[in-house]
């Protein structure tokens, strides 16, 4: 072999070493914990890949951060075999006086989608005309009052339009409790102000993401966050002569069944539906800290009832009794 023929064989190892060295320098400059710092240049990954060196996939960082708030989903928890004491905590008054419509609207309950027309609901509705007085549900301090365009307190900016949030003195199980009053047309309190239960704090409106005049009412437990809501019907005292059903419906191995159709009927007329509703969805809403439920039926007349569900081609029925002014708890387990 001549000297001219041998020269390329000597140059090739040198070029390979130099290329590998450059690629490794680029990797070091762009390395870091996955998801925190992107590679300095995506071409570094291409060079290393060509040389057979494995690298993580480059991550592009957006040039402008998103301004849209997204609530952190919380999964519906499995049935707790040894739950905390299941006791009533009707510590809140209804935010609408009895002279007006103070019943929770059944078409858009907590955790429901309004028949599929709306997003998962984090509160309940009190449908009333514009200007109906909105009342503080309990003694507390105003921690938010006004427009939510620049300070996001719901699903996104402008979600409530005008809103009021109270932090309440009487906590539950050592945690703070907050109530939210959304879509109001007028705010009559200021942040930092102390209010008493039953005090007029605003007026019913249709501001923000509202399709008509009503009060959107939320209860937040342990944290003033849109992802920390619980079902208000377990905090609002039932109407006179009425009671509440809290139920957990799931499989034999303890997994909840999300958005399962449930029929409530009187025991004397099991074939005549009184209420039809769904269990909580898989994420975004939370069970009550005391009841651990995935279904609530509020303001049921006292007496004997039957809960009916269909799952995997089988029909299940469970009888229960409603007593006035208290919550009854029912556990229903079905085959997977």
C-alpha atoms as a PDB file:
ATOM      1  CA  UNK A   1       0.000   0.000   0.000  1.00  0.00           C
ATOM      2  CA  UNK A   2       1.445   3.418  -0.961  1.00  0.00           C
ATOM      3  CA  UNK A   3       1.721   6.415   1.427  1.00  0.00           C
ATOM      4  CA  UNK A   4      -1.088   8.169  -0.539  1.00  0.00           C
ATOM      5  CA  UNK A   5      -3.409   5.189   0.040  1.00  0.00           C
ATOM      6  CA  UNK A   6      -2.691   5.079   3.787  1.00  0.00           C
ATOM      7  CA  UNK A   7      -3.335   8.784   4.449  1.00  0.00           C
ATOM      8  CA  UNK A   8      -7.183   8.590   4.440  1.00  0.00           C
ATOM      9  CA  UNK A   9      -7.052   5.732   6.937  1.00  0.00           C
ATOM     10  CA  UNK A  10      -5.148   7.958   9.378  1.00  0.00           C
ATOM     11  CA  UNK A  11      -7.437  10.997   8.834  1.00  0.00           C
ATOM     12  CA  UNK A  12     -10.711   9.117   9.433  1.00  0.00           C
ATOM     13  CA  UNK A  13     -10.031   8.231  13.118  1.00  0.00           C
ATOM     14  CA  UNK A  14      -8.933  11.835  13.763  1.00  0.00           C
ATOM     15  CA  UNK A  15     -12.165  13.258  12.286  1.00  0.00           C
ATOM     16  CA  UNK A  16     -14.257  10.795  14.285  1.00  0.00           C
ATOM     17  CA  UNK A  17     -12.590  11.782  17.557  1.00  0.00           C
ATOM     18  CA  UNK A  18     -12.976  15.502  16.806  1.00  0.00           C
ATOM     19  CA  UNK A  19     -16.687  15.090  15.899  1.00  0.00           C
ATOM     20  CA  UNK A  20     -17.364  13.085  19.025  1.00  0.00           C
ATOM     21  CA  UNK A  21     -15.629  15.703  21.135  1.00  0.00           C
ATOM     22  CA  UNK A  22     -17.683  18.563  19.641  1.00  0.00           C
ATOM     23  CA  UNK A  23     -20.906  16.642  20.101  1.00  0.00           C
ATOM     24  CA  UNK A  24     -20.108  15.860  23.733  1.00  0.00           C
ATOM     25  CA  UNK A  25     -19.375  19.543  24.433  1.00  0.00           C
ATOM     26  CA  UNK A  26     -22.753  20.486  22.936  1.00  0.00           C
ATOM     27  CA  UNK A  27     -24.436  17.847  25.060  1.00  0.00           C
ATOM     28  CA  UNK A  28     -22.806  19.151  28.246  1.00  0.00           C
ATOM     29  CA  UNK A  29     -23.786  22.742  27.447  1.00  0.00           C
ATOM     30  CA  UNK A  30     -27.381  21.721  26.818  1.00  0.00           C
ATOM     31  CA  UNK A  31     -27.809  19.087  29.478  1.00  0.00           C
ATOM     32  CA  UNK A  32     -29.913  19.414  32.618  1.00  0.00           C
ATOM     33  CA  UNK A  33     -32.862  17.881  34.416  1.00  0.00           C
ATOM     34  CA  UNK A  34     -35.458  16.674  31.952  1.00  0.00           C
ATOM     35  CA  UNK A  35     -38.223  19.201  31.514  1.00  0.00           C
ATOM     36  CA  UNK A  36     -36.203  22.122  32.960  1.00  0.00           C
ATOM     37  CA  UNK A  37     -33.457  23.123  30.482  1.00  0.00           C
ATOM     38  CA  UNK A  38     -33.620  22.330  26.743  1.00  0.00           C
ATOM     39  CA  UNK A  39     -30.614  21.265  24.711  1.00  0.00           C
ATOM     40  CA  UNK A  40     -28.648  24.281  23.481  1.00  0.00           C
ATOM     41  CA  UNK A  41     -29.252  23.212  19.889  1.00  0.00           C
ATOM     42  CA  UNK A  42     -31.342  20.377  18.512  1.00  0.00           C
ATOM     43  CA  UNK A  43     -28.559  19.703  15.989  1.00  0.00           C
ATOM     44  CA  UNK A  44     -26.435  18.411  18.875  1.00  0.00           C
ATOM     45  CA  UNK A  45     -28.876  15.536  19.289  1.00  0.00           C
ATOM     46  CA  UNK A  46     -28.737  14.824  15.578  1.00  0.00           C
ATOM     47  CA  UNK A  47     -24.914  14.692  15.615  1.00  0.00           C
ATOM     48  CA  UNK A  48     -24.880  12.383  18.625  1.00  0.00           C
ATOM     49  CA  UNK A  49     -27.541  10.169  17.122  1.00  0.00           C
ATOM     50  CA  UNK A  50     -25.475   9.837  13.965  1.00  0.00           C
ATOM     51  CA  UNK A  51     -22.563   8.714  16.131  1.00  0.00           C
ATOM     52  CA  UNK A  52     -24.703   6.204  17.988  1.00  0.00           C
ATOM     53  CA  UNK A  53     -24.877   8.191  21.254  1.00  0.00           C
ATOM     54  CA  UNK A  54     -28.365   8.166  22.898  1.00  0.00           C
ATOM     55  CA  UNK A  55     -29.719  11.523  24.124  1.00  0.00           C
ATOM     56  CA  UNK A  56     -32.996  12.751  25.561  1.00  0.00           C
ATOM     57  CA  UNK A  57     -35.468  14.401  23.210  1.00  0.00           C
ATOM     58  CA  UNK A  58     -34.931  18.185  23.046  1.00  0.00           C
ATOM     59  CA  UNK A  59     -37.627  20.261  24.706  1.00  0.00           C
ATOM     60  CA  UNK A  60     -38.639  23.600  23.262  1.00  0.00           C
ATOM     61  CA  UNK A  61     -39.530  26.284  25.794  1.00  0.00           C
ATOM     62  CA  UNK A  62     -42.403  28.574  24.662  1.00  0.00           C
ATOM     63  CA  UNK A  63     -41.277  32.123  24.049  1.00  0.00           C
ATOM     64  CA  UNK A  64     -44.351  33.503  25.837  1.00  0.00           C
ATOM     65  CA  UNK A  65     -45.944  31.696  28.800  1.00  0.00           C
ATOM     66  CA  UNK A  66     -49.621  30.885  28.666  1.00  0.00           C
ATOM     67  CA  UNK A  67     -51.888  33.236  30.542  1.00  0.00           C
ATOM     68  CA  UNK A  68     -54.753  30.745  30.785  1.00  0.00           C
ATOM     69  CA  UNK A  69     -55.252  29.124  34.184  1.00  0.00           C
ATOM     70  CA  UNK A  70     -55.890  25.387  34.182  1.00  0.00           C
ATOM     71  CA  UNK A  71     -57.088  23.845  37.419  1.00  0.00           C
ATOM     72  CA  UNK A  72     -55.179  20.780  38.583  1.00  0.00           C
ATOM     73  CA  UNK A  73     -57.445  17.725  38.215  1.00  0.00           C
ATOM     74  CA  UNK A  74     -57.918  15.667  41.339  1.00  0.00           C
ATOM     75  CA  UNK A  75     -58.968  12.058  40.889  1.00  0.00           C
ATOM     76  CA  UNK A  76     -62.100  10.758  42.559  1.00  0.00           C
ATOM     77  CA  UNK A  77     -60.737   8.698  45.422  1.00  0.00           C
ATOM     78  CA  UNK A  78     -61.524   5.031  46.030  1.00  0.00           C
ATOM     79  CA  UNK A  79     -63.761   4.054  48.916  1.00  0.00           C
ATOM     80  CA  UNK A  80     -61.949   4.462  52.227  1.00  0.00           C
ATOM     81  CA  UNK A  81     -62.470   1.294  54.229  1.00  0.00           C
ATOM     82  CA  UNK A  82     -61.891   3.111  57.536  1.00  0.00           C
ATOM     83  CA  UNK A  83     -63.170   6.639  56.812  1.00  0.00           C
ATOM     84  CA  UNK A  84     -63.214   9.580  59.206  1.00  0.00           C
ATOM     85  CA  UNK A  85     -66.399   9.838  61.264  1.00  0.00           C
ATOM     86  CA  UNK A  86     -69.271  10.420  58.872  1.00  0.00           C
ATOM     87  CA  UNK A  87     -71.047  13.291  60.557  1.00  0.00           C
ATOM     88  CA  UNK A  88     -73.121  16.176  59.269  1.00  0.00           C
ATOM     89  CA  UNK A  89     -71.555  19.610  59.014  1.00  0.00           C
ATOM     90  CA  UNK A  90     -74.374  21.847  57.887  1.00  0.00           C
ATOM     91  CA  UNK A  91     -72.427  24.956  58.875  1.00  0.00           C
ATOM     92  CA  UNK A  92     -73.587  27.205  56.034  1.00  0.00           C
ATOM     93  CA  UNK A  93     -76.782  29.123  55.411  1.00  0.00           C
ATOM     94  CA  UNK A  94     -78.290  29.256  51.959  1.00  0.00           C
ATOM     95  CA  UNK A  95     -76.913  32.265  50.052  1.00  0.00           C
ATOM     96  CA  UNK A  96     -80.410  33.205  48.842  1.00  0.00           C
ATOM     97  CA  UNK A  97     -83.244  34.065  51.235  1.00  0.00           C
ATOM     98  CA  UNK A  98     -86.319  31.844  51.436  1.00  0.00           C
ATOM     99  CA  UNK A  99     -88.432  34.676  49.989  1.00  0.00           C
ATOM    100  CA  UNK A 100     -86.687  33.928  46.688  1.00  0.00           C
ATOM    101  CA  UNK A 101     -85.590  30.673  45.041  1.00  0.00           C
ATOM    102  CA  UNK A 102     -83.253  29.130  47.601  1.00  0.00           C
ATOM    103  CA  UNK A 103     -83.329  25.601  46.150  1.00  0.00           C
ATOM    104  CA  UNK A 104     -80.301  24.234  44.334  1.00  0.00           C
ATOM    105  CA  UNK A 105     -81.033  23.959  40.594  1.00  0.00           C
ATOM    106  CA  UNK A 106     -81.140  20.265  39.678  1.00  0.00           C
ATOM    107  CA  UNK A 107     -80.149  20.665  36.015  1.00  0.00           C
ATOM    108  CA  UNK A 108     -76.491  21.499  36.771  1.00  0.00           C
ATOM    109  CA  UNK A 109     -75.437  19.858  40.014  1.00  0.00           C
ATOM    110  CA  UNK A 110     -71.967  19.643  41.517  1.00  0.00           C
ATOM    111  CA  UNK A 111     -69.788  17.396  39.371  1.00  0.00           C
ATOM    112  CA  UNK A 112     -72.310  17.261  36.532  1.00  0.00           C
ATOM    113  CA  UNK A 113     -72.014  18.421  32.921  1.00  0.00           C
ATOM    114  CA  UNK A 114     -75.551  19.778  32.609  1.00  0.00           C
ATOM    115  CA  UNK A 115     -76.608  16.917  30.365  1.00  0.00           C
ATOM    116  CA  UNK A 116     -73.355  17.171  28.425  1.00  0.00           C
ATOM    117  CA  UNK A 117     -73.809  20.808  27.431  1.00  0.00           C
ATOM    118  CA  UNK A 118     -71.364  22.350  29.918  1.00  0.00           C
ATOM    119  CA  UNK A 119     -67.992  21.752  31.567  1.00  0.00           C
ATOM    120  CA  UNK A 120     -67.795  19.778  34.814  1.00  0.00           C
ATOM    121  CA  UNK A 121     -69.450  21.915  37.480  1.00  0.00           C
ATOM    122  CA  UNK A 122     -67.452  22.933  40.556  1.00  0.00           C
ATOM    123  CA  UNK A 123     -70.424  24.397  42.407  1.00  0.00           C
ATOM    124  CA  UNK A 124     -74.212  24.670  42.361  1.00  0.00           C
ATOM    125  CA  UNK A 125     -76.673  27.180  40.917  1.00  0.00           C
ATOM    126  CA  UNK A 126     -79.393  29.286  42.499  1.00  0.00           C
ATOM    127  CA  UNK A 127     -81.506  30.616  39.629  1.00  0.00           C
ATOM    128  CA  UNK A 128     -83.064  33.995  40.472  1.00  0.00           C
ATOM    129  CA  UNK A 129     -83.868  37.281  38.744  1.00  0.00           C
ATOM    130  CA  UNK A 130     -81.273  39.997  38.312  1.00  0.00           C
ATOM    131  CA  UNK A 131     -80.786  42.015  41.469  1.00  0.00           C
ATOM    132  CA  UNK A 132     -81.839  39.306  43.942  1.00  0.00           C
ATOM    133  CA  UNK A 133     -79.814  39.828  47.167  1.00  0.00           C
ATOM    134  CA  UNK A 134     -76.884  37.455  47.712  1.00  0.00           C
ATOM    135  CA  UNK A 135     -76.251  36.591  51.375  1.00  0.00           C
ATOM    136  CA  UNK A 136     -73.102  35.557  53.229  1.00  0.00           C
ATOM    137  CA  UNK A 137     -73.386  31.848  54.020  1.00  0.00           C
ATOM    138  CA  UNK A 138     -71.534  32.259  57.341  1.00  0.00           C
ATOM    139  CA  UNK A 139     -69.448  34.743  59.308  1.00  0.00           C
ATOM    140  CA  UNK A 140     -66.113  35.425  57.679  1.00  0.00           C
ATOM    141  CA  UNK A 141     -63.617  37.726  56.017  1.00  0.00           C
ATOM    142  CA  UNK A 142     -63.799  38.901  52.407  1.00  0.00           C
ATOM    143  CA  UNK A 143     -60.649  37.682  50.637  1.00  0.00           C
ATOM    144  CA  UNK A 144     -61.748  38.604  47.100  1.00  0.00           C
ATOM    145  CA  UNK A 145     -64.313  41.067  45.799  1.00  0.00           C
ATOM    146  CA  UNK A 146     -64.549  42.390  42.278  1.00  0.00           C
ATOM    147  CA  UNK A 147     -63.675  41.514  38.692  1.00  0.00           C
ATOM    148  CA  UNK A 148     -61.683  38.377  37.999  1.00  0.00           C
ATOM    149  CA  UNK A 149     -60.064  39.555  34.764  1.00  0.00           C
ATOM    150  CA  UNK A 150     -56.594  40.118  36.187  1.00  0.00           C
ATOM    151  CA  UNK A 151     -56.703  37.795  39.178  1.00  0.00           C
ATOM    152  CA  UNK A 152     -57.892  34.338  38.206  1.00  0.00           C
ATOM    153  CA  UNK A 153     -60.096  32.781  40.894  1.00  0.00           C
ATOM    154  CA  UNK A 154     -62.013  30.284  38.754  1.00  0.00           C
ATOM    155  CA  UNK A 155     -61.427  28.160  35.683  1.00  0.00           C
ATOM    156  CA  UNK A 156     -59.928  31.097  33.785  1.00  0.00           C
ATOM    157  CA  UNK A 157     -59.818  34.879  33.757  1.00  0.00           C
ATOM    158  CA  UNK A 158     -63.252  36.453  33.410  1.00  0.00           C
ATOM    159  CA  UNK A 159     -64.960  33.195  34.350  1.00  0.00           C
ATOM    160  CA  UNK A 160     -67.165  34.724  37.070  1.00  0.00           C
ATOM    161  CA  UNK A 161     -67.134  38.301  35.796  1.00  0.00           C
ATOM    162  CA  UNK A 162     -67.752  39.683  39.270  1.00  0.00           C
ATOM    163  CA  UNK A 163     -67.191  37.460  42.279  1.00  0.00           C
ATOM    164  CA  UNK A 164     -66.906  37.418  46.058  1.00  0.00           C
ATOM    165  CA  UNK A 165     -64.905  34.913  48.123  1.00  0.00           C
ATOM    166  CA  UNK A 166     -65.246  34.579  51.897  1.00  0.00           C
ATOM    167  CA  UNK A 167     -62.927  32.813  54.305  1.00  0.00           C
ATOM    168  CA  UNK A 168     -64.950  31.487  57.228  1.00  0.00           C
ATOM    169  CA  UNK A 169     -64.122  31.559  60.897  1.00  0.00           C
ATOM    170  CA  UNK A 170     -65.575  28.185  61.813  1.00  0.00           C
ATOM    171  CA  UNK A 171     -63.301  25.691  60.080  1.00  0.00           C
ATOM    172  CA  UNK A 172     -64.023  21.987  59.651  1.00  0.00           C
ATOM    173  CA  UNK A 173     -61.689  19.290  60.953  1.00  0.00           C
ATOM    174  CA  UNK A 174     -58.968  21.872  61.470  1.00  0.00           C
ATOM    175  CA  UNK A 175     -59.030  23.174  57.887  1.00  0.00           C
ATOM    176  CA  UNK A 176     -60.207  26.473  56.470  1.00  0.00           C
ATOM    177  CA  UNK A 177     -63.464  26.749  54.531  1.00  0.00           C
ATOM    178  CA  UNK A 178     -64.154  29.234  51.725  1.00  0.00           C
ATOM    179  CA  UNK A 179     -67.352  30.113  49.866  1.00  0.00           C
ATOM    180  CA  UNK A 180     -67.509  31.614  46.382  1.00  0.00           C
ATOM    181  CA  UNK A 181     -70.314  33.740  44.935  1.00  0.00           C
ATOM    182  CA  UNK A 182     -69.991  34.106  41.161  1.00  0.00           C
ATOM    183  CA  UNK A 183     -71.621  36.019  38.277  1.00  0.00           C
ATOM    184  CA  UNK A 184     -72.939  38.734  40.613  1.00  0.00           C
ATOM    185  CA  UNK A 185     -74.106  42.011  39.100  1.00  0.00           C
ATOM    186  CA  UNK A 186     -72.991  44.125  42.040  1.00  0.00           C
ATOM    187  CA  UNK A 187     -70.456  43.690  44.850  1.00  0.00           C
ATOM    188  CA  UNK A 188     -71.386  45.304  48.168  1.00  0.00           C
ATOM    189  CA  UNK A 189     -68.332  44.387  50.249  1.00  0.00           C
ATOM    190  CA  UNK A 190     -64.608  45.073  50.072  1.00  0.00           C
ATOM    191  CA  UNK A 191     -61.572  42.847  50.532  1.00  0.00           C
ATOM    192  CA  UNK A 192     -60.558  42.588  54.177  1.00  0.00           C
ATOM    193  CA  UNK A 193     -64.069  43.374  55.417  1.00  0.00           C
ATOM    194  CA  UNK A 194     -65.642  41.221  58.119  1.00  0.00           C
ATOM    195  CA  UNK A 195     -69.193  40.049  57.308  1.00  0.00           C
ATOM    196  CA  UNK A 196     -71.862  38.212  59.260  1.00  0.00           C
ATOM    197  CA  UNK A 197     -74.017  35.286  58.171  1.00  0.00           C
ATOM    198  CA  UNK A 198     -77.078  36.524  56.292  1.00  0.00           C
ATOM    199  CA  UNK A 199     -75.535  39.899  55.412  1.00  0.00           C
ATOM    200  CA  UNK A 200     -76.190  41.142  51.857  1.00  0.00           C
ATOM    201  CA  UNK A 201     -72.822  41.011  50.072  1.00  0.00           C
ATOM    202  CA  UNK A 202     -73.946  41.390  46.455  1.00  0.00           C
ATOM    203  CA  UNK A 203     -76.729  40.985  43.908  1.00  0.00           C
ATOM    204  CA  UNK A 204     -77.530  38.164  41.500  1.00  0.00           C
ATOM    205  CA  UNK A 205     -76.243  38.803  37.980  1.00  0.00           C
ATOM    206  CA  UNK A 206     -75.179  37.139  34.757  1.00  0.00           C
ATOM    207  CA  UNK A 207     -71.593  38.356  34.440  1.00  0.00           C
ATOM    208  CA  UNK A 208     -68.755  36.273  33.022  1.00  0.00           C
ATOM    209  CA  UNK A 209     -69.513  32.796  31.681  1.00  0.00           C
ATOM    210  CA  UNK A 210     -73.214  32.876  32.536  1.00  0.00           C
ATOM    211  CA  UNK A 211     -76.092  32.247  30.146  1.00  0.00           C
ATOM    212  CA  UNK A 212     -78.732  33.821  32.375  1.00  0.00           C
ATOM    213  CA  UNK A 213     -79.181  35.400  35.801  1.00  0.00           C
ATOM    214  CA  UNK A 214     -78.204  33.081  38.648  1.00  0.00           C
ATOM    215  CA  UNK A 215     -75.808  32.751  41.560  1.00  0.00           C
ATOM    216  CA  UNK A 216     -72.943  30.299  41.176  1.00  0.00           C
ATOM    217  CA  UNK A 217     -72.046  29.049  44.667  1.00  0.00           C
ATOM    218  CA  UNK A 218     -68.963  27.049  45.637  1.00  0.00           C
ATOM    219  CA  UNK A 219     -67.523  25.580  48.821  1.00  0.00           C
ATOM    220  CA  UNK A 220     -63.736  25.190  48.912  1.00  0.00           C
ATOM    221  CA  UNK A 221     -62.112  23.069  51.575  1.00  0.00           C
ATOM    222  CA  UNK A 222     -58.607  23.563  53.045  1.00  0.00           C
ATOM    223  CA  UNK A 223     -57.480  25.729  50.126  1.00  0.00           C
ATOM    224  CA  UNK A 224     -58.849  28.727  48.260  1.00  0.00           C
ATOM    225  CA  UNK A 225     -58.470  27.100  44.849  1.00  0.00           C
ATOM    226  CA  UNK A 226     -60.769  26.098  42.000  1.00  0.00           C
ATOM    227  CA  UNK A 227     -59.400  22.552  42.291  1.00  0.00           C
ATOM    228  CA  UNK A 228     -60.330  22.328  46.010  1.00  0.00           C
ATOM    229  CA  UNK A 229     -64.137  22.443  45.739  1.00  0.00           C
ATOM    230  CA  UNK A 230     -66.494  20.062  47.532  1.00  0.00           C
ATOM    231  CA  UNK A 231     -70.224  19.500  47.163  1.00  0.00           C
ATOM    232  CA  UNK A 232     -72.137  22.449  48.698  1.00  0.00           C
ATOM    233  CA  UNK A 233     -75.227  20.286  49.298  1.00  0.00           C
ATOM    234  CA  UNK A 234     -73.394  18.583  52.163  1.00  0.00           C
ATOM    235  CA  UNK A 235     -72.746  21.976  53.808  1.00  0.00           C
ATOM    236  CA  UNK A 236     -76.127  23.677  53.327  1.00  0.00           C
ATOM    237  CA  UNK A 237     -78.804  22.624  55.782  1.00  0.00           C
ATOM    238  CA  UNK A 238     -81.679  20.794  54.043  1.00  0.00           C
ATOM    239  CA  UNK A 239     -85.031  22.499  53.672  1.00  0.00           C
ATOM    240  CA  UNK A 240     -87.561  21.757  56.462  1.00  0.00           C
ATOM    241  CA  UNK A 241     -88.807  18.158  56.301  1.00  0.00           C
ATOM    242  CA  UNK A 242     -86.135  17.171  53.779  1.00  0.00           C
ATOM    243  CA  UNK A 243     -82.868  15.239  54.014  1.00  0.00           C
ATOM    244  CA  UNK A 244     -79.759  14.394  51.997  1.00  0.00           C
ATOM    245  CA  UNK A 245     -78.364  11.200  50.514  1.00  0.00           C
ATOM    246  CA  UNK A 246     -74.583  10.766  50.201  1.00  0.00           C
ATOM    247  CA  UNK A 247     -73.520   7.566  48.455  1.00  0.00           C
ATOM    248  CA  UNK A 248     -70.418   5.780  47.248  1.00  0.00           C
ATOM    249  CA  UNK A 249     -70.975   3.600  44.180  1.00  0.00           C
ATOM    250  CA  UNK A 250     -68.166   1.446  42.864  1.00  0.00           C
ATOM    251  CA  UNK A 251     -66.768  -1.997  42.220  1.00  0.00           C
ATOM    252  CA  UNK A 252     -66.201  -4.843  44.649  1.00  0.00           C
ATOM    253  CA  UNK A 253     -62.472  -4.038  44.700  1.00  0.00           C
ATOM    254  CA  UNK A 254     -63.100  -0.471  45.835  1.00  0.00           C
ATOM    255  CA  UNK A 255     -62.845   1.532  42.611  1.00  0.00           C
ATOM    256  CA  UNK A 256     -65.467   4.272  42.087  1.00  0.00           C
ATOM    257  CA  UNK A 257     -67.612   4.176  38.960  1.00  0.00           C
ATOM    258  CA  UNK A 258     -67.471   7.615  37.330  1.00  0.00           C
ATOM    259  CA  UNK A 259     -70.460   9.246  35.619  1.00  0.00           C
ATOM    260  CA  UNK A 260     -72.722   6.258  36.144  1.00  0.00           C
ATOM    261  CA  UNK A 261     -76.450   6.912  35.652  1.00  0.00           C
ATOM    262  CA  UNK A 262     -78.388   6.631  38.909  1.00  0.00           C
ATOM    263  CA  UNK A 263     -82.166   6.638  39.363  1.00  0.00           C
ATOM    264  CA  UNK A 264     -83.779   7.578  42.680  1.00  0.00           C
ATOM    265  CA  UNK A 265     -87.369   6.445  43.211  1.00  0.00           C
ATOM    266  CA  UNK A 266     -89.756   6.134  46.108  1.00  0.00           C
ATOM    267  CA  UNK A 267     -89.812   2.636  47.566  1.00  0.00           C
ATOM    268  CA  UNK A 268     -93.571   2.583  47.102  1.00  0.00           C
ATOM    269  CA  UNK A 269     -93.212   3.372  43.362  1.00  0.00           C
ATOM    270  CA  UNK A 270     -89.854   1.940  42.230  1.00  0.00           C
ATOM    271  CA  UNK A 271     -90.824   2.155  38.564  1.00  0.00           C
ATOM    272  CA  UNK A 272     -91.401   5.904  38.686  1.00  0.00           C
ATOM    273  CA  UNK A 273     -88.121   7.889  38.670  1.00  0.00           C
ATOM    274  CA  UNK A 274     -88.061  10.805  41.096  1.00  0.00           C
ATOM    275  CA  UNK A 275     -84.527  11.996  40.274  1.00  0.00           C
ATOM    276  CA  UNK A 276     -81.991  10.932  37.669  1.00  0.00           C
ATOM    277  CA  UNK A 277     -78.348  11.955  37.973  1.00  0.00           C
ATOM    278  CA  UNK A 278     -74.764  10.782  37.512  1.00  0.00           C
ATOM    279  CA  UNK A 279     -71.967   9.879  39.892  1.00  0.00           C
ATOM    280  CA  UNK A 280     -68.989  12.242  40.006  1.00  0.00           C
ATOM    281  CA  UNK A 281     -66.608  12.271  37.035  1.00  0.00           C
ATOM    282  CA  UNK A 282     -63.185  10.686  37.299  1.00  0.00           C
ATOM    283  CA  UNK A 283     -61.358  13.968  37.937  1.00  0.00           C
ATOM    284  CA  UNK A 284     -61.828  17.682  38.750  1.00  0.00           C
ATOM    285  CA  UNK A 285     -64.212  17.363  41.696  1.00  0.00           C
ATOM    286  CA  UNK A 286     -63.603  16.039  45.183  1.00  0.00           C
ATOM    287  CA  UNK A 287     -65.399  13.900  47.751  1.00  0.00           C
ATOM    288  CA  UNK A 288     -66.361  15.532  51.027  1.00  0.00           C
ATOM    289  CA  UNK A 289     -63.761  15.225  53.819  1.00  0.00           C
ATOM    290  CA  UNK A 290     -66.363  13.645  56.086  1.00  0.00           C
ATOM    291  CA  UNK A 291     -68.466  11.543  53.713  1.00  0.00           C
ATOM    292  CA  UNK A 292     -66.073  10.372  50.977  1.00  0.00           C
ATOM    293  CA  UNK A 293     -68.970  10.105  48.507  1.00  0.00           C
ATOM    294  CA  UNK A 294     -69.222  10.160  44.718  1.00  0.00           C
ATOM    295  CA  UNK A 295     -72.948  10.951  44.611  1.00  0.00           C
ATOM    296  CA  UNK A 296     -75.145  13.423  46.492  1.00  0.00           C
ATOM    297  CA  UNK A 297     -78.901  13.865  46.261  1.00  0.00           C
ATOM    298  CA  UNK A 298     -80.056  16.882  48.229  1.00  0.00           C
ATOM    299  CA  UNK A 299     -83.447  17.950  49.539  1.00  0.00           C
ATOM    300  CA  UNK A 300     -85.168  14.560  49.404  1.00  0.00           C
ATOM    301  CA  UNK A 301     -88.464  14.212  51.285  1.00  0.00           C
ATOM    302  CA  UNK A 302     -88.169  11.983  54.339  1.00  0.00           C
ATOM    303  CA  UNK A 303     -89.258   8.388  53.890  1.00  0.00           C
ATOM    304  CA  UNK A 304     -88.251   5.146  52.185  1.00  0.00           C
ATOM    305  CA  UNK A 305     -86.399   5.264  48.885  1.00  0.00           C
ATOM    306  CA  UNK A 306     -84.633   3.004  46.404  1.00  0.00           C
ATOM    307  CA  UNK A 307     -81.471   3.690  44.423  1.00  0.00           C
ATOM    308  CA  UNK A 308     -81.268   1.925  41.038  1.00  0.00           C
ATOM    309  CA  UNK A 309     -78.311   1.492  38.672  1.00  0.00           C
ATOM    310  CA  UNK A 310     -77.480  -0.597  35.598  1.00  0.00           C
ATOM    311  CA  UNK A 311     -73.896  -1.732  35.152  1.00  0.00           C
ATOM    312  CA  UNK A 312     -72.479  -4.271  32.694  1.00  0.00           C
ATOM    313  CA  UNK A 313     -75.938  -5.495  31.812  1.00  0.00           C
ATOM    314  CA  UNK A 314     -77.039  -6.040  35.407  1.00  0.00           C
ATOM    315  CA  UNK A 315     -79.636  -4.175  37.446  1.00  0.00           C
ATOM    316  CA  UNK A 316     -78.914  -3.223  41.063  1.00  0.00           C
ATOM    317  CA  UNK A 317     -81.248  -1.780  43.698  1.00  0.00           C
ATOM    318  CA  UNK A 318     -80.512  -0.548  47.206  1.00  0.00           C
ATOM    319  CA  UNK A 319     -83.120   0.700  49.661  1.00  0.00           C
ATOM    320  CA  UNK A 320     -82.386   3.573  51.996  1.00  0.00           C
ATOM    321  CA  UNK A 321     -84.192   5.807  54.448  1.00  0.00           C
ATOM    322  CA  UNK A 322     -84.160   9.600  54.427  1.00  0.00           C
ATOM    323  CA  UNK A 323     -84.659  11.429  57.704  1.00  0.00           C
ATOM    324  CA  UNK A 324     -85.352  15.170  57.852  1.00  0.00           C
ATOM    325  CA  UNK A 325     -82.404  17.452  58.498  1.00  0.00           C
ATOM    326  CA  UNK A 326     -79.679  14.784  58.291  1.00  0.00           C
ATOM    327  CA  UNK A 327     -77.482  12.993  55.752  1.00  0.00           C
ATOM    328  CA  UNK A 328     -77.947   9.276  55.077  1.00  0.00           C
ATOM    329  CA  UNK A 329     -74.954   7.353  53.708  1.00  0.00           C
ATOM    330  CA  UNK A 330     -75.211   4.416  51.316  1.00  0.00           C
ATOM    331  CA  UNK A 331     -72.482   2.169  49.886  1.00  0.00           C
ATOM    332  CA  UNK A 332     -73.222   0.246  46.685  1.00  0.00           C
ATOM    333  CA  UNK A 333     -70.704  -2.300  45.374  1.00  0.00           C
ATOM    334  CA  UNK A 334     -71.147  -3.985  42.001  1.00  0.00           C
ATOM    335  CA  UNK A 335     -69.254  -6.573  39.982  1.00  0.00           C
ATOM    336  CA  UNK A 336     -66.578  -5.116  37.705  1.00  0.00           C
END
